[in-house]
Amino acid sequence: ALYQIRPNPSITFLLNLCHIMIKIDFSSPVIDFMVQLCNAVSKGCEMMADRNYHDQMNIDNALRLREIISELPRFCGDFFRGIEPTTSSLTRIAYAYDLRVFLQFICNSNPSFKNTSIRDFKLEILDQIKAIDIEEYLEYLSYYKKDDIEHLNQENGKKRKLISLRSFYNYYFKKEMIVTNP
């Protein structure tokens, strides 16, 4: 279970009372009433266990983010844990998609990385990427095809992807884990 419900003392008392009254063998109407009360209390506990919409969305987003991160280099997990307190789950998912597109672009277009799997990239690769690589990436974003799906990005789409990349680089640069920030 992702979380546990703390027992409410009133509910615990009522449940215990129901069990005691049933064991003592009170008259049928009293027992029927107590059984109904126990069922209502139990149902109330189950309803409290149900997640609200926002909790469920956060869980779904966390699972989706984990799935995307599993395709990225291992060091990317540090970045997403680092930005978690200051970003929404949807922002982190968008950043993950953007970083995946960027790293796929680098892998496919830069001869130095052609035979390297994205998952196997090391943190040092960030120091090898130059400003010209970023410029080529922004040009690539105008139109690209992935899995037979065409993608077009206008200026706003490119800006968002550039913001994702800036945040990514700034995180590692501020942590002094890389020395360049193109």
C-alpha atoms as a PDB file:
ATOM      1  CA  ALA A   1       0.000   0.000   0.000  1.00  0.00           C
ATOM      2  CA  LEU A   2       1.207   3.504  -0.756  1.00  0.00           C
ATOM      3  CA  TYR A   3      -0.144   4.822   2.528  1.00  0.00           C
ATOM      4  CA  GLN A   4      -1.901   3.578   5.624  1.00  0.00           C
ATOM      5  CA  ILE A   5      -5.054   4.912   7.261  1.00  0.00           C
ATOM      6  CA  ARG A   6      -4.662   5.831  10.913  1.00  0.00           C
ATOM      7  CA  PRO A   7      -7.472   4.288  12.936  1.00  0.00           C
ATOM      8  CA  ASN A   8      -9.956   6.810  14.249  1.00  0.00           C
ATOM      9  CA  PRO A   9     -10.528   6.151  17.995  1.00  0.00           C
ATOM     10  CA  SER A  10     -14.303   6.638  17.627  1.00  0.00           C
ATOM     11  CA  ILE A  11     -14.503   4.180  14.760  1.00  0.00           C
ATOM     12  CA  THR A  12     -12.343   1.663  16.637  1.00  0.00           C
ATOM     13  CA  PHE A  13     -14.613   1.985  19.683  1.00  0.00           C
ATOM     14  CA  LEU A  14     -17.766   1.430  17.594  1.00  0.00           C
ATOM     15  CA  LEU A  15     -16.288  -1.582  15.854  1.00  0.00           C
ATOM     16  CA  ASN A  16     -15.243  -3.120  19.172  1.00  0.00           C
ATOM     17  CA  LEU A  17     -18.680  -2.405  20.650  1.00  0.00           C
ATOM     18  CA  CYS A  18     -20.331  -4.112  17.667  1.00  0.00           C
ATOM     19  CA  HIS A  19     -18.219  -7.218  18.129  1.00  0.00           C
ATOM     20  CA  ILE A  20     -18.902  -7.341  21.888  1.00  0.00           C
ATOM     21  CA  MET A  21     -22.679  -6.922  21.440  1.00  0.00           C
ATOM     22  CA  ILE A  22     -22.754  -9.660  18.828  1.00  0.00           C
ATOM     23  CA  LYS A  23     -20.825 -12.011  21.142  1.00  0.00           C
ATOM     24  CA  ILE A  24     -23.147 -11.275  24.101  1.00  0.00           C
ATOM     25  CA  ASP A  25     -26.094 -12.220  21.868  1.00  0.00           C
ATOM     26  CA  PHE A  26     -28.291  -9.169  22.242  1.00  0.00           C
ATOM     27  CA  SER A  27     -31.775  -9.259  20.775  1.00  0.00           C
ATOM     28  CA  SER A  28     -32.056  -9.488  17.014  1.00  0.00           C
ATOM     29  CA  PRO A  29     -33.113  -5.840  16.350  1.00  0.00           C
ATOM     30  CA  VAL A  30     -30.167  -4.554  18.391  1.00  0.00           C
ATOM     31  CA  ILE A  31     -27.777  -6.896  16.608  1.00  0.00           C
ATOM     32  CA  ASP A  32     -29.228  -5.909  13.224  1.00  0.00           C
ATOM     33  CA  PHE A  33     -28.752  -2.245  14.094  1.00  0.00           C
ATOM     34  CA  MET A  34     -25.188  -2.846  15.271  1.00  0.00           C
ATOM     35  CA  VAL A  35     -24.336  -4.868  12.139  1.00  0.00           C
ATOM     36  CA  GLN A  36     -25.677  -2.023   9.989  1.00  0.00           C
ATOM     37  CA  LEU A  37     -23.658   0.439  12.039  1.00  0.00           C
ATOM     38  CA  CYS A  38     -20.517  -1.687  11.673  1.00  0.00           C
ATOM     39  CA  ASN A  39     -21.064  -1.949   7.936  1.00  0.00           C
ATOM     40  CA  ALA A  40     -21.568   1.803   7.637  1.00  0.00           C
ATOM     41  CA  VAL A  41     -18.416   2.463   9.669  1.00  0.00           C
ATOM     42  CA  SER A  42     -16.451  -0.027   7.562  1.00  0.00           C
ATOM     43  CA  LYS A  43     -17.736   1.537   4.360  1.00  0.00           C
ATOM     44  CA  GLY A  44     -16.733   4.968   5.687  1.00  0.00           C
ATOM     45  CA  CYS A  45     -13.212   3.642   6.294  1.00  0.00           C
ATOM     46  CA  GLU A  46     -13.065   2.302   2.743  1.00  0.00           C
ATOM     47  CA  MET A  47     -14.220   5.634   1.364  1.00  0.00           C
ATOM     48  CA  MET A  48     -11.455   7.385   3.286  1.00  0.00           C
ATOM     49  CA  ALA A  49      -8.956   5.014   1.642  1.00  0.00           C
ATOM     50  CA  ASP A  50     -10.063   6.101  -1.850  1.00  0.00           C
ATOM     51  CA  ARG A  51      -7.754   8.658  -3.400  1.00  0.00           C
ATOM     52  CA  ASN A  52      -8.962  12.027  -4.502  1.00  0.00           C
ATOM     53  CA  TYR A  53      -8.452  13.156  -8.092  1.00  0.00           C
ATOM     54  CA  HIS A  54      -5.253  15.108  -7.406  1.00  0.00           C
ATOM     55  CA  ASP A  55      -3.631  12.281  -5.453  1.00  0.00           C
ATOM     56  CA  GLN A  56      -4.427   9.825  -8.232  1.00  0.00           C
ATOM     57  CA  MET A  57      -3.079  12.228 -10.876  1.00  0.00           C
ATOM     58  CA  ASN A  58       0.137  12.669  -8.902  1.00  0.00           C
ATOM     59  CA  ILE A  59       0.538   8.895  -8.668  1.00  0.00           C
ATOM     60  CA  ASP A  60      -0.139   8.456 -12.392  1.00  0.00           C
ATOM     61  CA  ASN A  61       2.316  11.250 -13.218  1.00  0.00           C
ATOM     62  CA  ALA A  62       4.986   9.761 -10.949  1.00  0.00           C
ATOM     63  CA  LEU A  63       4.639   6.427 -12.742  1.00  0.00           C
ATOM     64  CA  ARG A  64       4.780   8.100 -16.157  1.00  0.00           C
ATOM     65  CA  LEU A  65       7.875  10.076 -15.111  1.00  0.00           C
ATOM     66  CA  ARG A  66       9.600   6.905 -13.876  1.00  0.00           C
ATOM     67  CA  GLU A  67       8.883   5.272 -17.220  1.00  0.00           C
ATOM     68  CA  ILE A  68      10.461   8.143 -19.169  1.00  0.00           C
ATOM     69  CA  ILE A  69      13.431   8.407 -16.789  1.00  0.00           C
ATOM     70  CA  SER A  70      14.102   4.698 -17.337  1.00  0.00           C
ATOM     71  CA  GLU A  71      14.920   5.576 -20.975  1.00  0.00           C
ATOM     72  CA  LEU A  72      17.269   8.428 -20.023  1.00  0.00           C
ATOM     73  CA  PRO A  73      20.857   8.265 -18.756  1.00  0.00           C
ATOM     74  CA  ARG A  74      21.119   7.260 -15.119  1.00  0.00           C
ATOM     75  CA  PHE A  75      22.415  10.663 -14.023  1.00  0.00           C
ATOM     76  CA  CYS A  76      19.125  12.280 -15.107  1.00  0.00           C
ATOM     77  CA  GLY A  77      17.447  10.836 -12.034  1.00  0.00           C
ATOM     78  CA  ASP A  78      19.504  13.232  -9.875  1.00  0.00           C
ATOM     79  CA  PHE A  79      18.155  16.179 -11.844  1.00  0.00           C
ATOM     80  CA  PHE A  80      14.524  15.140 -11.439  1.00  0.00           C
ATOM     81  CA  ARG A  81      14.944  14.497  -7.724  1.00  0.00           C
ATOM     82  CA  GLY A  82      16.640  17.892  -7.411  1.00  0.00           C
ATOM     83  CA  ILE A  83      13.840  19.854  -9.090  1.00  0.00           C
ATOM     84  CA  GLU A  84      11.000  17.888  -7.484  1.00  0.00           C
ATOM     85  CA  PRO A  85      10.390  20.332  -4.590  1.00  0.00           C
ATOM     86  CA  THR A  86      10.057  23.342  -6.892  1.00  0.00           C
ATOM     87  CA  THR A  87       8.187  21.910  -9.890  1.00  0.00           C
ATOM     88  CA  SER A  88       4.886  20.211 -10.562  1.00  0.00           C
ATOM     89  CA  SER A  89       4.717  16.616 -11.734  1.00  0.00           C
ATOM     90  CA  LEU A  90       3.520  17.791 -15.160  1.00  0.00           C
ATOM     91  CA  THR A  91       6.516  20.104 -15.500  1.00  0.00           C
ATOM     92  CA  ARG A  92       8.894  17.250 -14.668  1.00  0.00           C
ATOM     93  CA  ILE A  93       7.181  15.033 -17.241  1.00  0.00           C
ATOM     94  CA  ALA A  94       7.473  17.749 -19.899  1.00  0.00           C
ATOM     95  CA  TYR A  95      11.172  18.217 -19.031  1.00  0.00           C
ATOM     96  CA  ALA A  96      11.715  14.454 -19.296  1.00  0.00           C
ATOM     97  CA  TYR A  97      10.111  14.333 -22.751  1.00  0.00           C
ATOM     98  CA  ASP A  98      12.174  17.337 -23.842  1.00  0.00           C
ATOM     99  CA  LEU A  99      15.426  15.846 -22.551  1.00  0.00           C
ATOM    100  CA  ARG A 100      14.669  12.555 -24.268  1.00  0.00           C
ATOM    101  CA  VAL A 101      14.186  14.364 -27.603  1.00  0.00           C
ATOM    102  CA  PHE A 102      17.423  16.312 -27.060  1.00  0.00           C
ATOM    103  CA  LEU A 103      19.489  13.255 -26.158  1.00  0.00           C
ATOM    104  CA  GLN A 104      18.053  11.296 -29.102  1.00  0.00           C
ATOM    105  CA  PHE A 105      18.992  14.200 -31.359  1.00  0.00           C
ATOM    106  CA  ILE A 106      22.549  14.228 -29.971  1.00  0.00           C
ATOM    107  CA  CYS A 107      22.803  10.468 -30.351  1.00  0.00           C
ATOM    108  CA  ASN A 108      21.588  10.520 -33.967  1.00  0.00           C
ATOM    109  CA  SER A 109      23.279  13.669 -35.239  1.00  0.00           C
ATOM    110  CA  ASN A 110      26.603  13.949 -33.445  1.00  0.00           C
ATOM    111  CA  PRO A 111      29.202  11.526 -34.866  1.00  0.00           C
ATOM    112  CA  SER A 112      30.938  11.308 -31.474  1.00  0.00           C
ATOM    113  CA  PHE A 113      27.867   9.661 -29.935  1.00  0.00           C
ATOM    114  CA  LYS A 114      26.419   7.701 -32.881  1.00  0.00           C
ATOM    115  CA  ASN A 115      27.210   4.247 -31.473  1.00  0.00           C
ATOM    116  CA  THR A 116      26.252   5.074 -27.887  1.00  0.00           C
ATOM    117  CA  SER A 117      22.918   4.185 -26.340  1.00  0.00           C
ATOM    118  CA  ILE A 118      21.211   7.114 -24.632  1.00  0.00           C
ATOM    119  CA  ARG A 119      20.917   5.072 -21.448  1.00  0.00           C
ATOM    120  CA  ASP A 120      24.710   4.629 -21.432  1.00  0.00           C
ATOM    121  CA  PHE A 121      25.525   8.347 -21.649  1.00  0.00           C
ATOM    122  CA  LYS A 122      27.693   9.533 -18.763  1.00  0.00           C
ATOM    123  CA  LEU A 123      27.441  12.943 -17.088  1.00  0.00           C
ATOM    124  CA  GLU A 124      30.671  14.009 -18.806  1.00  0.00           C
ATOM    125  CA  ILE A 125      28.810  14.078 -22.117  1.00  0.00           C
ATOM    126  CA  LEU A 126      27.223  17.378 -21.055  1.00  0.00           C
ATOM    127  CA  ASP A 127      30.657  19.029 -21.086  1.00  0.00           C
ATOM    128  CA  GLN A 128      31.238  17.774 -24.648  1.00  0.00           C
ATOM    129  CA  ILE A 129      28.097  19.407 -26.041  1.00  0.00           C
ATOM    130  CA  LYS A 130      28.793  22.834 -27.503  1.00  0.00           C
ATOM    131  CA  ALA A 131      26.618  25.839 -28.291  1.00  0.00           C
ATOM    132  CA  ILE A 132      26.524  24.809 -31.957  1.00  0.00           C
ATOM    133  CA  ASP A 133      24.922  21.514 -30.922  1.00  0.00           C
ATOM    134  CA  ILE A 134      22.166  23.449 -29.143  1.00  0.00           C
ATOM    135  CA  GLU A 135      21.647  25.671 -32.195  1.00  0.00           C
ATOM    136  CA  GLU A 136      21.399  22.622 -34.459  1.00  0.00           C
ATOM    137  CA  TYR A 137      18.949  21.058 -32.000  1.00  0.00           C
ATOM    138  CA  LEU A 138      16.705  24.135 -32.092  1.00  0.00           C
ATOM    139  CA  GLU A 139      16.723  24.025 -35.881  1.00  0.00           C
ATOM    140  CA  TYR A 140      15.931  20.286 -35.770  1.00  0.00           C
ATOM    141  CA  LEU A 141      12.916  20.970 -33.535  1.00  0.00           C
ATOM    142  CA  SER A 142      11.188  22.917 -36.309  1.00  0.00           C
ATOM    143  CA  TYR A 143      10.333  19.592 -37.921  1.00  0.00           C
ATOM    144  CA  TYR A 144      11.321  16.053 -37.020  1.00  0.00           C
ATOM    145  CA  LYS A 145       9.923  12.554 -37.317  1.00  0.00           C
ATOM    146  CA  LYS A 146       9.891   9.976 -34.528  1.00  0.00           C
ATOM    147  CA  ASP A 147       8.242   6.563 -34.809  1.00  0.00           C
ATOM    148  CA  ASP A 148       6.584   7.636 -38.076  1.00  0.00           C
ATOM    149  CA  ILE A 149       4.979  10.612 -36.329  1.00  0.00           C
ATOM    150  CA  GLU A 150       5.772  14.088 -37.591  1.00  0.00           C
ATOM    151  CA  HIS A 151       6.485  16.756 -34.995  1.00  0.00           C
ATOM    152  CA  LEU A 152       6.375  20.491 -35.634  1.00  0.00           C
ATOM    153  CA  ASN A 153       7.432  23.106 -33.111  1.00  0.00           C
ATOM    154  CA  GLN A 154       6.736  26.808 -33.374  1.00  0.00           C
ATOM    155  CA  GLU A 155       8.736  29.348 -31.389  1.00  0.00           C
ATOM    156  CA  ASN A 156       6.855  28.689 -28.127  1.00  0.00           C
ATOM    157  CA  GLY A 157       7.519  24.947 -28.353  1.00  0.00           C
ATOM    158  CA  LYS A 158      11.193  25.568 -29.021  1.00  0.00           C
ATOM    159  CA  LYS A 159      11.395  28.010 -26.119  1.00  0.00           C
ATOM    160  CA  ARG A 160       9.916  25.491 -23.713  1.00  0.00           C
ATOM    161  CA  LYS A 161      12.366  22.821 -24.827  1.00  0.00           C
ATOM    162  CA  LEU A 162      15.211  25.299 -24.450  1.00  0.00           C
ATOM    163  CA  ILE A 163      13.997  26.163 -20.926  1.00  0.00           C
ATOM    164  CA  SER A 164      14.045  22.444 -20.087  1.00  0.00           C
ATOM    165  CA  LEU A 165      17.602  22.194 -21.358  1.00  0.00           C
ATOM    166  CA  ARG A 166      18.704  25.342 -19.497  1.00  0.00           C
ATOM    167  CA  SER A 167      17.252  24.039 -16.263  1.00  0.00           C
ATOM    168  CA  PHE A 168      18.988  20.696 -16.835  1.00  0.00           C
ATOM    169  CA  TYR A 169      22.376  22.291 -17.466  1.00  0.00           C
ATOM    170  CA  ASN A 170      21.981  24.855 -14.669  1.00  0.00           C
ATOM    171  CA  TYR A 171      21.268  22.094 -12.169  1.00  0.00           C
ATOM    172  CA  TYR A 172      24.524  20.266 -12.881  1.00  0.00           C
ATOM    173  CA  PHE A 173      26.522  23.474 -13.316  1.00  0.00           C
ATOM    174  CA  LYS A 174      25.386  24.858  -9.937  1.00  0.00           C
ATOM    175  CA  LYS A 175      26.183  21.506  -8.320  1.00  0.00           C
ATOM    176  CA  GLU A 176      29.666  21.818  -9.919  1.00  0.00           C
ATOM    177  CA  MET A 177      29.250  18.449 -11.593  1.00  0.00           C
ATOM    178  CA  ILE A 178      29.972  19.943 -15.046  1.00  0.00           C
ATOM    179  CA  VAL A 179      32.282  22.806 -16.019  1.00  0.00           C
ATOM    180  CA  THR A 180      30.563  24.120 -19.146  1.00  0.00           C
ATOM    181  CA  ASN A 181      27.090  25.476 -19.663  1.00  0.00           C
ATOM    182  CA  PRO A 182      26.497  26.156 -23.357  1.00  0.00           C
END
